[in-house]
Every structure is written in C-alpha cells, then in structure tokens.
N, C-alpha and C. Protein backbone atom coordinates (compact mmCIF):
# COMPACT_ATOMS: atom_id res chain seq x y z
N MET A 1 213.31 -122.15 178.87
CA MET A 1 214.43 -121.73 178.06
C MET A 1 213.88 -120.84 176.93
N SER A 2 214.51 -119.69 176.74
CA SER A 2 214.05 -118.79 175.69
C SER A 2 214.40 -119.35 174.32
N ALA A 3 213.78 -118.79 173.29
CA ALA A 3 214.02 -119.26 171.93
C ALA A 3 215.46 -119.00 171.51
N PHE A 4 216.00 -117.86 171.95
CA PHE A 4 217.40 -117.55 171.61
C PHE A 4 218.34 -118.56 172.23
N ASN A 5 218.12 -118.90 173.50
CA ASN A 5 218.99 -119.88 174.16
C ASN A 5 218.83 -121.27 173.55
N ALA A 6 217.62 -121.61 173.11
CA ALA A 6 217.41 -122.89 172.45
C ALA A 6 218.16 -122.94 171.12
N PHE A 7 218.11 -121.83 170.37
CA PHE A 7 218.84 -121.76 169.11
C PHE A 7 220.34 -121.81 169.36
N LYS A 8 220.78 -121.10 170.41
CA LYS A 8 222.20 -121.06 170.76
C LYS A 8 222.69 -122.45 171.14
N ALA A 9 221.85 -123.21 171.80
CA ALA A 9 222.24 -124.55 172.22
C ALA A 9 222.28 -125.52 171.05
N SER A 10 221.48 -125.25 170.00
CA SER A 10 221.41 -126.20 168.87
C SER A 10 222.49 -125.98 167.83
N VAL A 11 223.16 -124.83 167.84
CA VAL A 11 224.21 -124.54 166.85
C VAL A 11 225.56 -124.61 167.54
N PRO A 12 226.34 -125.66 167.30
CA PRO A 12 227.65 -125.75 167.93
C PRO A 12 228.59 -124.65 167.40
N VAL A 13 229.34 -124.07 168.31
CA VAL A 13 230.27 -123.00 167.95
C VAL A 13 231.37 -123.52 167.04
N GLU A 14 231.73 -124.79 167.16
CA GLU A 14 232.82 -125.34 166.37
C GLU A 14 232.50 -125.35 164.88
N TRP A 15 231.21 -125.35 164.52
CA TRP A 15 230.84 -125.42 163.11
C TRP A 15 230.95 -124.09 162.40
N SER A 16 230.88 -123.01 163.13
CA SER A 16 230.86 -121.70 162.51
C SER A 16 232.26 -121.27 162.08
N LYS A 17 232.34 -120.61 160.94
CA LYS A 17 233.63 -120.14 160.42
C LYS A 17 234.12 -118.92 161.19
N ASN A 18 233.19 -118.01 161.52
CA ASN A 18 233.53 -116.79 162.25
C ASN A 18 232.76 -116.76 163.57
N LEU A 19 233.37 -116.12 164.55
CA LEU A 19 232.72 -115.92 165.84
C LEU A 19 232.58 -114.43 166.08
N TYR A 20 231.42 -114.03 166.57
CA TYR A 20 231.19 -112.64 166.94
C TYR A 20 231.16 -112.58 168.46
N ILE A 21 232.09 -111.81 169.02
CA ILE A 21 232.30 -111.78 170.46
C ILE A 21 231.92 -110.39 170.97
N THR A 22 231.04 -110.33 171.96
CA THR A 22 230.60 -109.07 172.54
C THR A 22 230.96 -109.05 174.01
N LEU A 23 231.60 -107.98 174.44
CA LEU A 23 231.93 -107.81 175.85
C LEU A 23 230.69 -107.27 176.56
N VAL A 24 230.17 -108.01 177.52
CA VAL A 24 228.93 -107.61 178.21
C VAL A 24 229.15 -107.27 179.67
N ARG A 25 230.29 -107.58 180.22
CA ARG A 25 230.59 -107.23 181.61
C ARG A 25 231.80 -106.31 181.62
N GLY A 26 231.88 -105.48 182.63
CA GLY A 26 232.95 -104.50 182.71
C GLY A 26 234.30 -105.11 183.01
N ILE A 27 235.34 -104.39 182.60
CA ILE A 27 236.71 -104.85 182.81
C ILE A 27 237.22 -104.56 184.22
N PRO A 28 236.86 -103.41 184.83
CA PRO A 28 237.39 -103.14 186.18
C PRO A 28 237.02 -104.22 187.18
N GLY A 29 237.97 -104.61 187.98
CA GLY A 29 237.74 -105.62 188.99
C GLY A 29 238.02 -107.04 188.52
N THR A 30 238.44 -107.21 187.27
CA THR A 30 238.74 -108.55 186.77
C THR A 30 240.22 -108.85 186.98
N ARG A 31 240.56 -110.11 186.85
CA ARG A 31 241.96 -110.51 187.01
C ARG A 31 242.79 -109.97 185.85
N LYS A 32 244.08 -109.77 186.12
CA LYS A 32 244.97 -109.21 185.10
C LYS A 32 245.06 -110.14 183.88
N LEU A 33 245.02 -111.44 184.11
CA LEU A 33 245.06 -112.40 183.01
C LEU A 33 243.84 -112.23 182.10
N HIS A 34 242.68 -111.98 182.70
CA HIS A 34 241.46 -111.78 181.91
C HIS A 34 241.53 -110.46 181.15
N ARG A 35 242.06 -109.42 181.78
CA ARG A 35 242.19 -108.14 181.10
C ARG A 35 243.12 -108.24 179.90
N ARG A 36 244.19 -108.98 180.05
CA ARG A 36 245.13 -109.15 178.93
C ARG A 36 244.52 -109.99 177.82
N THR A 37 243.70 -110.96 178.18
CA THR A 37 243.01 -111.78 177.17
C THR A 37 242.02 -110.92 176.39
N LEU A 38 241.27 -110.08 177.09
CA LEU A 38 240.33 -109.19 176.40
C LEU A 38 241.06 -108.19 175.51
N GLU A 39 242.20 -107.74 175.96
CA GLU A 39 243.01 -106.84 175.14
C GLU A 39 243.51 -107.54 173.87
N ALA A 40 243.88 -108.80 174.00
CA ALA A 40 244.32 -109.57 172.83
C ALA A 40 243.17 -109.81 171.86
N LEU A 41 241.95 -109.90 172.38
CA LEU A 41 240.77 -110.06 171.53
C LEU A 41 240.29 -108.72 170.98
N ARG A 42 240.92 -107.62 171.35
CA ARG A 42 240.57 -106.27 170.93
C ARG A 42 239.22 -105.81 171.48
N LEU A 43 238.89 -106.29 172.68
CA LEU A 43 237.67 -105.86 173.36
C LEU A 43 238.05 -104.89 174.46
N ARG A 44 237.73 -103.62 174.28
CA ARG A 44 238.15 -102.61 175.24
C ARG A 44 236.98 -101.96 175.98
N LYS A 45 235.80 -101.96 175.37
CA LYS A 45 234.65 -101.30 176.00
C LYS A 45 233.46 -102.25 176.01
N CYS A 46 232.54 -102.02 176.95
CA CYS A 46 231.34 -102.85 177.05
C CYS A 46 230.46 -102.67 175.82
N ASN A 47 229.74 -103.73 175.49
CA ASN A 47 228.79 -103.76 174.38
C ASN A 47 229.44 -103.50 173.02
N ARG A 48 230.71 -103.79 172.89
CA ARG A 48 231.40 -103.72 171.60
C ARG A 48 231.56 -105.14 171.09
N THR A 49 231.40 -105.31 169.79
CA THR A 49 231.46 -106.62 169.17
C THR A 49 232.63 -106.67 168.20
N VAL A 50 233.37 -107.77 168.23
CA VAL A 50 234.46 -108.01 167.28
C VAL A 50 234.23 -109.35 166.61
N MET A 51 234.76 -109.48 165.40
CA MET A 51 234.67 -110.74 164.66
C MET A 51 236.05 -111.38 164.65
N ARG A 52 236.10 -112.63 165.02
CA ARG A 52 237.35 -113.39 165.00
C ARG A 52 237.10 -114.71 164.30
N TYR A 53 238.14 -115.21 163.63
CA TYR A 53 238.05 -116.53 163.01
C TYR A 53 237.97 -117.59 164.10
N ASN A 54 237.24 -118.64 163.82
CA ASN A 54 237.03 -119.71 164.79
C ASN A 54 238.23 -120.66 164.75
N THR A 55 239.19 -120.42 165.61
CA THR A 55 240.37 -121.27 165.72
C THR A 55 240.46 -121.80 167.15
N PRO A 56 241.20 -122.86 167.36
CA PRO A 56 241.36 -123.37 168.74
C PRO A 56 241.97 -122.34 169.68
N THR A 57 242.84 -121.49 169.17
CA THR A 57 243.45 -120.45 170.01
C THR A 57 242.40 -119.47 170.52
N VAL A 58 241.57 -119.00 169.62
CA VAL A 58 240.52 -118.05 170.00
C VAL A 58 239.52 -118.71 170.94
N ARG A 59 239.14 -119.96 170.67
CA ARG A 59 238.21 -120.65 171.56
C ARG A 59 238.80 -120.84 172.95
N GLY A 60 240.11 -121.07 173.05
CA GLY A 60 240.75 -121.16 174.36
C GLY A 60 240.73 -119.84 175.10
N MET A 61 240.94 -118.74 174.36
CA MET A 61 240.87 -117.42 174.98
C MET A 61 239.45 -117.13 175.47
N LEU A 62 238.47 -117.53 174.68
CA LEU A 62 237.08 -117.31 175.07
C LEU A 62 236.70 -118.17 176.27
N GLN A 63 237.27 -119.33 176.37
CA GLN A 63 237.00 -120.20 177.53
C GLN A 63 237.48 -119.51 178.82
N GLN A 64 238.57 -118.75 178.71
CA GLN A 64 239.10 -118.05 179.87
C GLN A 64 238.19 -116.92 180.34
N VAL A 65 237.58 -116.21 179.41
CA VAL A 65 236.78 -115.03 179.76
C VAL A 65 235.30 -115.24 179.46
N LYS A 66 234.83 -116.48 179.54
CA LYS A 66 233.45 -116.79 179.14
C LYS A 66 232.40 -116.10 179.98
N ARG A 67 232.72 -115.71 181.21
CA ARG A 67 231.74 -115.03 182.04
C ARG A 67 231.64 -113.53 181.72
N LEU A 68 232.56 -113.03 180.91
CA LEU A 68 232.57 -111.61 180.57
C LEU A 68 232.02 -111.32 179.18
N VAL A 69 231.91 -112.35 178.33
CA VAL A 69 231.56 -112.13 176.93
C VAL A 69 230.37 -112.98 176.52
N VAL A 70 229.78 -112.61 175.37
CA VAL A 70 228.75 -113.41 174.72
C VAL A 70 229.31 -113.80 173.36
N ILE A 71 229.21 -115.08 173.03
CA ILE A 71 229.75 -115.59 171.78
C ILE A 71 228.59 -115.96 170.88
N GLU A 72 228.64 -115.45 169.64
CA GLU A 72 227.60 -115.73 168.67
C GLU A 72 228.22 -116.26 167.38
N THR A 73 227.47 -117.12 166.71
CA THR A 73 227.90 -117.56 165.38
C THR A 73 227.44 -116.50 164.37
N GLU A 74 227.84 -116.68 163.12
CA GLU A 74 227.48 -115.70 162.10
C GLU A 74 225.97 -115.61 161.90
N GLU A 75 225.29 -116.76 161.93
CA GLU A 75 223.84 -116.78 161.75
C GLU A 75 223.14 -116.07 162.91
N MET A 76 223.59 -116.31 164.12
CA MET A 76 222.99 -115.68 165.29
C MET A 76 223.20 -114.17 165.25
N TYR A 77 224.39 -113.74 164.85
CA TYR A 77 224.70 -112.32 164.80
C TYR A 77 223.84 -111.60 163.76
N THR A 78 223.72 -112.18 162.56
CA THR A 78 222.92 -111.53 161.52
C THR A 78 221.44 -111.51 161.90
N ALA A 79 220.96 -112.57 162.55
CA ALA A 79 219.56 -112.59 163.00
C ALA A 79 219.31 -111.51 164.05
N ARG A 80 220.24 -111.33 164.96
CA ARG A 80 220.08 -110.30 166.00
C ARG A 80 220.11 -108.91 165.39
N LYS A 81 221.04 -108.67 164.47
CA LYS A 81 221.14 -107.36 163.83
C LYS A 81 219.90 -107.06 162.98
N GLU A 82 219.38 -108.07 162.31
CA GLU A 82 218.17 -107.88 161.51
C GLU A 82 216.97 -107.55 162.39
N LYS A 83 216.88 -108.22 163.53
CA LYS A 83 215.79 -107.96 164.47
C LYS A 83 215.90 -106.53 165.02
N GLU A 84 217.11 -106.08 165.34
CA GLU A 84 217.30 -104.71 165.83
C GLU A 84 216.95 -103.70 164.75
N ALA A 85 217.32 -103.98 163.50
CA ALA A 85 217.01 -103.06 162.40
C ALA A 85 215.51 -102.96 162.17
N ASN A 86 214.80 -104.09 162.25
CA ASN A 86 213.35 -104.06 162.10
C ASN A 86 212.69 -103.30 163.24
N HIS A 87 213.25 -103.42 164.42
CA HIS A 87 212.69 -102.72 165.58
C HIS A 87 212.86 -101.20 165.43
N ARG A 88 213.98 -100.77 164.85
CA ARG A 88 214.26 -99.34 164.69
C ARG A 88 213.72 -98.76 163.39
N ALA A 89 213.13 -99.59 162.54
CA ALA A 89 212.66 -99.11 161.24
C ALA A 89 211.55 -98.09 161.42
N LEU A 90 211.48 -97.18 160.45
CA LEU A 90 210.43 -96.17 160.49
C LEU A 90 209.09 -96.82 160.19
N ARG A 91 208.11 -96.43 160.95
CA ARG A 91 206.77 -96.96 160.77
C ARG A 91 205.87 -95.86 160.19
N ALA A 92 204.82 -96.25 159.53
CA ALA A 92 203.88 -95.28 159.00
C ALA A 92 203.22 -94.53 160.14
N PRO A 93 203.02 -93.24 159.99
CA PRO A 93 202.40 -92.48 161.09
C PRO A 93 200.94 -92.87 161.28
N VAL A 94 200.50 -92.78 162.49
CA VAL A 94 199.12 -93.07 162.82
C VAL A 94 198.32 -91.79 162.59
N VAL A 95 197.29 -91.86 161.75
CA VAL A 95 196.46 -90.70 161.44
C VAL A 95 195.16 -90.82 162.22
N VAL A 96 194.88 -89.82 163.02
CA VAL A 96 193.66 -89.80 163.81
C VAL A 96 192.81 -88.65 163.32
N ASN A 97 191.57 -88.92 162.98
CA ASN A 97 190.65 -87.90 162.52
C ASN A 97 189.82 -87.42 163.69
N HIS A 98 189.95 -86.13 164.06
CA HIS A 98 189.22 -85.58 165.19
C HIS A 98 187.96 -84.85 164.76
N ASN A 99 187.73 -84.73 163.46
CA ASN A 99 186.53 -84.05 162.96
C ASN A 99 185.39 -85.07 162.89
N VAL A 100 184.61 -85.10 163.91
CA VAL A 100 183.50 -86.04 163.99
C VAL A 100 182.23 -85.30 163.61
N THR A 101 181.52 -85.80 162.63
CA THR A 101 180.25 -85.19 162.26
C THR A 101 179.16 -85.80 163.12
N SER A 102 178.29 -84.97 163.64
CA SER A 102 177.23 -85.47 164.51
C SER A 102 176.06 -85.94 163.66
N ALA A 103 175.24 -86.79 164.21
CA ALA A 103 174.10 -87.36 163.51
C ALA A 103 173.00 -86.33 163.31
N THR A 104 172.91 -85.32 164.21
CA THR A 104 171.85 -84.30 164.10
C THR A 104 172.12 -83.36 162.93
N ASP A 105 173.40 -83.08 162.61
CA ASP A 105 173.73 -82.19 161.50
C ASP A 105 173.36 -82.81 160.18
N SER A 106 173.48 -84.10 160.04
CA SER A 106 173.20 -84.74 158.76
C SER A 106 171.73 -84.87 158.48
N SER A 107 170.88 -84.83 159.51
CA SER A 107 169.44 -84.97 159.30
C SER A 107 168.81 -83.67 158.84
N ASN A 108 169.40 -82.52 159.08
CA ASN A 108 168.83 -81.23 158.68
C ASN A 108 168.99 -80.98 157.25
C-alpha cells in the first residue's frame, strides 16, 4: 500500500469539513444517471477539481459515481498541491566549468 493510500485510509471523509472532488475518468459511455450526478457536482471535464461541503447529500452523490472520481479531504488536497508546487519550483542552475587547467602548464 502506498503512503498516499495509507494516509487516505487513516483520515475518515466524514471528519472533514470540505471535500475536494476530482473527475478522473471520462464521462462518455457512462450511465445517464451518473452523467446527471456529475453535472450536479459541477464536474464537466477530466482532471478538474471542485470543492463541496461535506454533507450527507454530497456523500450520497459521490457514492453513486465513486468509480469516476477521487475524493480528498482538505489536508490531502493541500498536501498534494504543495507537493506539485515544490516539484515545479525553479531550481538553481547547474554550473559546469569546462576550463580545465592541465598539470603540465602549472609546472612551467
């Protein structure tokens, strides 16, 4: 089990105030009921994330489309975004010195 899945398993969704929902599977080919549920959640395109309050209504909608979405708590979402920002951060350039002085030049 990966560290992310272990963390995901240890934080119950019911405790979180907000839920971050990301559509990870495509809408074409799904049942009409699932498409309408995704429309009600305002998920229209893949890899888009929306924030919804954690209510029994929203959790019921997510139970219907659980194979199409990824559900994250606020802590999980901020940790993922922070990790992505660190990955994309500018790094110091690598400086390579190609001017090599030979040992014979220094002895003369």
